[in-house]
Amino acid sequence: MKQEEKNSFSKTKNICLPFKSFGRRCTRLAREHRARFYILRRCVTMLICWQDCE
């Protein structure tokens, strides 16, 4: 690989890093929201079922 190609590759890599970390943060936040929504949904379902049994 020529020196110019190495430089352009490293520049491209440095430019892409913030976008990759942004994508990871978005993925992590979406996963957390999904988990919270799942727990909330289960709690509401249990409360509704519990009230029906009384």
PDB file of N, CA and C in Angstrom:
ATOM      1  N   MET A   1       0.834  -1.164   0.000  1.00  0.00           N
ATOM      2  CA  MET A   1       0.000   0.000   0.000  1.00  0.00           C
ATOM      3  C   MET A   1       0.888   1.239   0.000  1.00  0.00           C
ATOM      4  N   LYS A   2       0.550   2.205  -0.788  1.00  0.00           N
ATOM      5  CA  LYS A   2       1.325   3.424  -0.862  1.00  0.00           C
ATOM      6  C   LYS A   2       1.029   4.308   0.356  1.00  0.00           C
ATOM      7  N   GLN A   3       1.921   5.248   0.607  1.00  0.00           N
ATOM      8  CA  GLN A   3       1.766   6.158   1.745  1.00  0.00           C
ATOM      9  C   GLN A   3       0.487   6.987   1.606  1.00  0.00           C
ATOM     10  N   GLU A   4       0.176   7.422   0.372  1.00  0.00           N
ATOM     11  CA  GLU A   4      -1.027   8.224   0.142  1.00  0.00           C
ATOM     12  C   GLU A   4      -2.278   7.425   0.477  1.00  0.00           C
ATOM     13  N   GLU A   5      -2.294   6.159   0.100  1.00  0.00           N
ATOM     14  CA  GLU A   5      -3.451   5.317   0.380  1.00  0.00           C
ATOM     15  C   GLU A   5      -3.620   5.118   1.884  1.00  0.00           C
ATOM     16  N   LYS A   6      -2.524   4.947   2.600  1.00  0.00           N
ATOM     17  CA  LYS A   6      -2.598   4.789   4.045  1.00  0.00           C
ATOM     18  C   LYS A   6      -3.162   6.047   4.703  1.00  0.00           C
ATOM     19  N   ASN A   7      -2.701   7.210   4.244  1.00  0.00           N
ATOM     20  CA  ASN A   7      -3.190   8.466   4.802  1.00  0.00           C
ATOM     21  C   ASN A   7      -4.670   8.661   4.543  1.00  0.00           C
ATOM     22  N   SER A   8      -5.113   8.376   3.327  1.00  0.00           N
ATOM     23  CA  SER A   8      -6.529   8.556   3.012  1.00  0.00           C
ATOM     24  C   SER A   8      -7.386   7.560   3.794  1.00  0.00           C
ATOM     25  N   PHE A   9      -6.872   6.348   4.002  1.00  0.00           N
ATOM     26  CA  PHE A   9      -7.605   5.344   4.771  1.00  0.00           C
ATOM     27  C   PHE A   9      -7.749   5.785   6.216  1.00  0.00           C
ATOM     28  N   SER A  10      -6.681   6.293   6.817  1.00  0.00           N
ATOM     29  CA  SER A  10      -6.744   6.721   8.210  1.00  0.00           C
ATOM     30  C   SER A  10      -7.648   7.940   8.367  1.00  0.00           C
ATOM     31  N   LYS A  11      -7.653   8.846   7.387  1.00  0.00           N
ATOM     32  CA  LYS A  11      -8.551   9.999   7.444  1.00  0.00           C
ATOM     33  C   LYS A  11     -10.004   9.544   7.369  1.00  0.00           C
ATOM     34  N   THR A  12     -10.289   8.633   6.473  1.00  0.00           N
ATOM     35  CA  THR A  12     -11.648   8.113   6.339  1.00  0.00           C
ATOM     36  C   THR A  12     -12.067   7.398   7.616  1.00  0.00           C
ATOM     37  N   LYS A  13     -11.170   6.644   8.193  1.00  0.00           N
ATOM     38  CA  LYS A  13     -11.464   5.913   9.416  1.00  0.00           C
ATOM     39  C   LYS A  13     -11.777   6.892  10.550  1.00  0.00           C
ATOM     40  N   ASN A  14     -11.001   7.956  10.679  1.00  0.00           N
ATOM     41  CA  ASN A  14     -11.235   8.942  11.731  1.00  0.00           C
ATOM     42  C   ASN A  14     -12.554   9.678  11.542  1.00  0.00           C
ATOM     43  N   ILE A  15     -12.938   9.919  10.308  1.00  0.00           N
ATOM     44  CA  ILE A  15     -14.203  10.606  10.036  1.00  0.00           C
ATOM     45  C   ILE A  15     -15.376   9.695  10.391  1.00  0.00           C
ATOM     46  N   CYS A  16     -15.273   8.416  10.156  1.00  0.00           N
ATOM     47  CA  CYS A  16     -16.375   7.485  10.385  1.00  0.00           C
ATOM     48  C   CYS A  16     -16.562   7.132  11.861  1.00  0.00           C
ATOM     49  N   LEU A  17     -15.546   7.295  12.682  1.00  0.00           N
ATOM     50  CA  LEU A  17     -15.658   6.884  14.081  1.00  0.00           C
ATOM     51  C   LEU A  17     -16.794   7.574  14.835  1.00  0.00           C
ATOM     52  N   PRO A  18     -16.988   8.884  14.730  1.00  0.00           N
ATOM     53  CA  PRO A  18     -18.105   9.487  15.462  1.00  0.00           C
ATOM     54  C   PRO A  18     -19.458   8.948  15.017  1.00  0.00           C
ATOM     55  N   PHE A  19     -19.598   8.649  13.740  1.00  0.00           N
ATOM     56  CA  PHE A  19     -20.864   8.132  13.248  1.00  0.00           C
ATOM     57  C   PHE A  19     -21.122   6.725  13.766  1.00  0.00           C
ATOM     58  N   LYS A  20     -20.065   5.920  13.866  1.00  0.00           N
ATOM     59  CA  LYS A  20     -20.242   4.572  14.404  1.00  0.00           C
ATOM     60  C   LYS A  20     -20.634   4.629  15.871  1.00  0.00           C
ATOM     61  N   SER A  21     -19.999   5.507  16.637  1.00  0.00           N
ATOM     62  CA  SER A  21     -20.349   5.605  18.047  1.00  0.00           C
ATOM     63  C   SER A  21     -21.761   6.156  18.203  1.00  0.00           C
ATOM     64  N   PHE A  22     -22.178   7.066  17.318  1.00  0.00           N
ATOM     65  CA  PHE A  22     -23.551   7.576  17.349  1.00  0.00           C
ATOM     66  C   PHE A  22     -24.533   6.447  17.076  1.00  0.00           C
ATOM     67  N   GLY A  23     -24.203   5.600  16.110  1.00  0.00           N
ATOM     68  CA  GLY A  23     -25.069   4.459  15.799  1.00  0.00           C
ATOM     69  C   GLY A  23     -25.158   3.496  16.964  1.00  0.00           C
ATOM     70  N   ARG A  24     -24.039   3.277  17.641  1.00  0.00           N
ATOM     71  CA  ARG A  24     -24.048   2.394  18.814  1.00  0.00           C
ATOM     72  C   ARG A  24     -24.898   2.981  19.926  1.00  0.00           C
ATOM     73  N   ARG A  25     -24.773   4.302  20.133  1.00  0.00           N
ATOM     74  CA  ARG A  25     -25.579   4.945  21.176  1.00  0.00           C
ATOM     75  C   ARG A  25     -27.057   4.848  20.850  1.00  0.00           C
ATOM     76  N   CYS A  26     -27.412   5.061  19.599  1.00  0.00           N
ATOM     77  CA  CYS A  26     -28.823   4.960  19.199  1.00  0.00           C
ATOM     78  C   CYS A  26     -29.341   3.543  19.389  1.00  0.00           C
ATOM     79  N   THR A  27     -28.530   2.568  19.017  1.00  0.00           N
ATOM     80  CA  THR A  27     -28.923   1.171  19.182  1.00  0.00           C
ATOM     81  C   THR A  27     -29.112   0.832  20.652  1.00  0.00           C
ATOM     82  N   ARG A  28     -28.169   1.289  21.488  1.00  0.00           N
ATOM     83  CA  ARG A  28     -28.262   1.011  22.925  1.00  0.00           C
ATOM     84  C   ARG A  28     -29.501   1.671  23.529  1.00  0.00           C
ATOM     85  N   LEU A  29     -29.778   2.916  23.153  1.00  0.00           N
ATOM     86  CA  LEU A  29     -30.957   3.603  23.676  1.00  0.00           C
ATOM     87  C   LEU A  29     -32.246   2.921  23.213  1.00  0.00           C
ATOM     88  N   ALA A  30     -32.281   2.501  21.970  1.00  0.00           N
ATOM     89  CA  ALA A  30     -33.468   1.812  21.469  1.00  0.00           C
ATOM     90  C   ALA A  30     -33.691   0.503  22.221  1.00  0.00           C
ATOM     91  N   ARG A  31     -32.609  -0.212  22.501  1.00  0.00           N
ATOM     92  CA  ARG A  31     -32.704  -1.468  23.241  1.00  0.00           C
ATOM     93  C   ARG A  31     -33.211  -1.227  24.670  1.00  0.00           C
ATOM     94  N   GLU A  32     -32.701  -0.161  25.304  1.00  0.00           N
ATOM     95  CA  GLU A  32     -33.151   0.170  26.657  1.00  0.00           C
ATOM     96  C   GLU A  32     -34.625   0.537  26.665  1.00  0.00           C
ATOM     97  N   HIS A  33     -35.056   1.337  25.696  1.00  0.00           N
ATOM     98  CA  HIS A  33     -36.464   1.726  25.625  1.00  0.00           C
ATOM     99  C   HIS A  33     -37.357   0.519  25.383  1.00  0.00           C
ATOM    100  N   ARG A  34     -36.905  -0.371  24.520  1.00  0.00           N
ATOM    101  CA  ARG A  34     -37.679  -1.596  24.267  1.00  0.00           C
ATOM    102  C   ARG A  34     -37.819  -2.419  25.535  1.00  0.00           C
ATOM    103  N   ALA A  35     -36.718  -2.544  26.289  1.00  0.00           N
ATOM    104  CA  ALA A  35     -36.744  -3.319  27.532  1.00  0.00           C
ATOM    105  C   ALA A  35     -37.676  -2.678  28.549  1.00  0.00           C
ATOM    106  N   ARG A  36     -37.610  -1.365  28.688  1.00  0.00           N
ATOM    107  CA  ARG A  36     -38.490  -0.667  29.631  1.00  0.00           C
ATOM    108  C   ARG A  36     -39.945  -0.820  29.234  1.00  0.00           C
ATOM    109  N   PHE A  37     -40.229  -0.686  27.950  1.00  0.00           N
ATOM    110  CA  PHE A  37     -41.600  -0.828  27.472  1.00  0.00           C
ATOM    111  C   PHE A  37     -42.104  -2.247  27.727  1.00  0.00           C
ATOM    112  N   TYR A  38     -41.249  -3.241  27.527  1.00  0.00           N
ATOM    113  CA  TYR A  38     -41.624  -4.630  27.777  1.00  0.00           C
ATOM    114  C   TYR A  38     -41.965  -4.828  29.252  1.00  0.00           C
ATOM    115  N   ILE A  39     -41.133  -4.300  30.155  1.00  0.00           N
ATOM    116  CA  ILE A  39     -41.384  -4.443  31.590  1.00  0.00           C
ATOM    117  C   ILE A  39     -42.673  -3.734  31.976  1.00  0.00           C
ATOM    118  N   LEU A  40     -42.869  -2.523  31.472  1.00  0.00           N
ATOM    119  CA  LEU A  40     -44.088  -1.774  31.759  1.00  0.00           C
ATOM    120  C   LEU A  40     -45.317  -2.525  31.269  1.00  0.00           C
ATOM    121  N   ARG A  41     -45.229  -3.060  30.083  1.00  0.00           N
ATOM    122  CA  ARG A  41     -46.355  -3.819  29.514  1.00  0.00           C
ATOM    123  C   ARG A  41     -46.674  -5.044  30.358  1.00  0.00           C
ATOM    124  N   ARG A  42     -45.647  -5.751  30.822  1.00  0.00           N
ATOM    125  CA  ARG A  42     -45.861  -6.926  31.676  1.00  0.00           C
ATOM    126  C   ARG A  42     -46.506  -6.532  32.998  1.00  0.00           C
ATOM    127  N   CYS A  43     -46.049  -5.416  33.589  1.00  0.00           N
ATOM    128  CA  CYS A  43     -46.622  -4.962  34.862  1.00  0.00           C
ATOM    129  C   CYS A  43     -48.090  -4.599  34.709  1.00  0.00           C
ATOM    130  N   VAL A  44     -48.421  -3.883  33.658  1.00  0.00           N
ATOM    131  CA  VAL A  44     -49.816  -3.504  33.427  1.00  0.00           C
ATOM    132  C   VAL A  44     -50.669  -4.745  33.207  1.00  0.00           C
ATOM    133  N   THR A  45     -50.162  -5.696  32.448  1.00  0.00           N
ATOM    134  CA  THR A  45     -50.900  -6.935  32.202  1.00  0.00           C
ATOM    135  C   THR A  45     -51.139  -7.696  33.500  1.00  0.00           C
ATOM    136  N   MET A  46     -50.115  -7.767  34.350  1.00  0.00           N
ATOM    137  CA  MET A  46     -50.286  -8.469  35.630  1.00  0.00           C
ATOM    138  C   MET A  46     -51.298  -7.748  36.519  1.00  0.00           C
ATOM    139  N   LEU A  47     -51.267  -6.421  36.543  1.00  0.00           N
ATOM    140  CA  LEU A  47     -52.236  -5.666  37.344  1.00  0.00           C
ATOM    141  C   LEU A  47     -53.662  -5.888  36.850  1.00  0.00           C
ATOM    142  N   ILE A  48     -53.833  -5.885  35.549  1.00  0.00           N
ATOM    143  CA  ILE A  48     -55.171  -6.113  34.991  1.00  0.00           C
ATOM    144  C   ILE A  48     -55.661  -7.517  35.317  1.00  0.00           C
ATOM    145  N   CYS A  49     -54.815  -8.497  35.144  1.00  0.00           N
ATOM    146  CA  CYS A  49     -55.183  -9.889  35.460  1.00  0.00           C
ATOM    147  C   CYS A  49     -55.448 -10.057  36.948  1.00  0.00           C
ATOM    148  N   TRP A  50     -54.678  -9.396  37.784  1.00  0.00           N
ATOM    149  CA  TRP A  50     -54.839  -9.499  39.232  1.00  0.00           C
ATOM    150  C   TRP A  50     -56.171  -8.908  39.659  1.00  0.00           C
ATOM    151  N   GLN A  51     -56.587  -7.792  39.031  1.00  0.00           N
ATOM    152  CA  GLN A  51     -57.868  -7.180  39.363  1.00  0.00           C
ATOM    153  C   GLN A  51     -59.017  -8.046  38.900  1.00  0.00           C
ATOM    154  N   ASP A  52     -58.864  -8.750  37.785  1.00  0.00           N
ATOM    155  CA  ASP A  52     -59.914  -9.629  37.278  1.00  0.00           C
ATOM    156  C   ASP A  52     -60.141 -10.813  38.217  1.00  0.00           C
ATOM    157  N   CYS A  53     -59.107 -11.252  38.896  1.00  0.00           N
ATOM    158  CA  CYS A  53     -59.228 -12.426  39.762  1.00  0.00           C
ATOM    159  C   CYS A  53     -59.940 -12.124  41.070  1.00  0.00           C
ATOM    160  N   GLU A  54     -59.964 -10.884  41.494  1.00  0.00           N
ATOM    161  CA  GLU A  54     -60.609 -10.555  42.775  1.00  0.00           C
ATOM    162  C   GLU A  54     -62.096 -10.565  42.691  1.00  0.00           C
TER     163      GLU A  54
END
